Amino acid sequence: MSVPDRVRPAPGRAANRPPRVTDEHGRRVRGWELALRYLLLLAVLALTVGPFLWQLSTSLKGPTEDIYSSPPSFLPAHPTLHNYERVAQTVPVWDYALNSLKVASANVVTNCVGSALAGYALARLRYRGRRAATLVFVLAMLVPVEGIIIAQFTTMRELGLNNTLIGVLLPGCVGAMNVLLMRNAFLNLPYEIEEAAYVDGADVWQRFLRIALPSVKGTLAVVAIFAFMGAWDDFLWPLIVLSDPSRFTLTIGLNYLHGTFANDERLVAAGTVIAVAPLITLFACLQRYFFRGVGEGAVKG
C-alpha cells in the first residue's frame, strides 16, 4: 500500500462525518454560536416583519372578531376582503394610488437618469472643481428637509407649480445620495476598459452608454428602489404643496382613515396594506439587482 493510500481517509468514514459549518473566512462555527445567530435573526425578523403581518391579519378580520382579545389571535377566524372594499367606498383610494404612481414613476426616471449622468461626471470626467462638486453633494445630504421646506414651497409658488404633481416631484427629482451611489459605482469600474474604447475612437457618450452604464445595473436598481420608496412614502411635502383633494397622493388620502375612522382599526389596516403592497412588489422584482448593487455602489471610507 502506498503512502497516499494510507493517509487518505476511508470512504465510509468520510461519508458518515457530519458536515462542517464555516463562516466567510473558513473558520468552523460552533453549534451554540450558530444557534445564537439564528435566534438573533429570528428576533430581527419578528421586529421588522411582525408589525406588517399583524396589520395584514387585522385587515382580513371581520367585524364580529375581537382584535383586542387576550391572548391576541393572529390568524383571522373568518378571513374577508370586505375591509378593502370599505376603504375604496370611503375614499377614492385608486385615484390617490394613481397620483402616487405617477409621481413615484417620474421620480424613478429622473433619479436614474440624473444620478447616472452626475455620477459619471464626478467619477470619470476631468475638470476643475470636480472635488468641490462632490463636496456639495455630500453637504446636501447633511441638510435636513425641514430646514429647506419653506424655501422649496416659496420656489414652487413663484414658479406657479403649487397644487400640481410636478410641484410634488421637482424638489426630489435628483437625490444627493443617489448621485454619490452612482459615483462610487462608476469609480469601481476598471479604467482600462474605457481607455481601450477611447483608443478605438469612442466618445464620452458612447463610453457612458455602452460601457459604463451596463456595468452598474445593480446600482441603478438600488437608486430606482430608493427613489420609488421616497416618493411613494412621502407625506410632509405633498401635504404642504397640494390643496386640491383630486390631486392628493395615497399617503395624504389614507390620512382621512386615521382622522375620521380612528376607532376602526380594520379599515386603517386595510389602507396600510394597500399602501405597502406596491413597495413589496417592486422590491420582489428588483431584489436580484438590489443586493448586487449594494456592493457596486458602496460608499468607501
Foldseek 3Di string as FASTA:
>chain_A
DDPVVVVDDDPVVVVPDDDFDADPVRHTDDPVRVVVVVVVVVVVCCVPCVVLLQLVQLLQEDPVDDCPDVVGDSHHPHGDNVLLVVLCVVFVLVLQAVLLVVLLVLLLVLALVVLLVLLCCLAPNDDPCSVVVLVVLVVVVVDDCVVCLVVLLVVCVVVVNFQHSCSLRPVNSHHSVLNLLNNQLLNPDDPVVVVVVVVVPDDPVCCSPPPRVVSQVLSSLQSSLVSSVCSLPDDVNQVVRHDDSSNHHNVVRLVCCCPVVVVSSNNNSSSVCVSCVVSVVSCVVNVVSPVVNCVSRPDDD
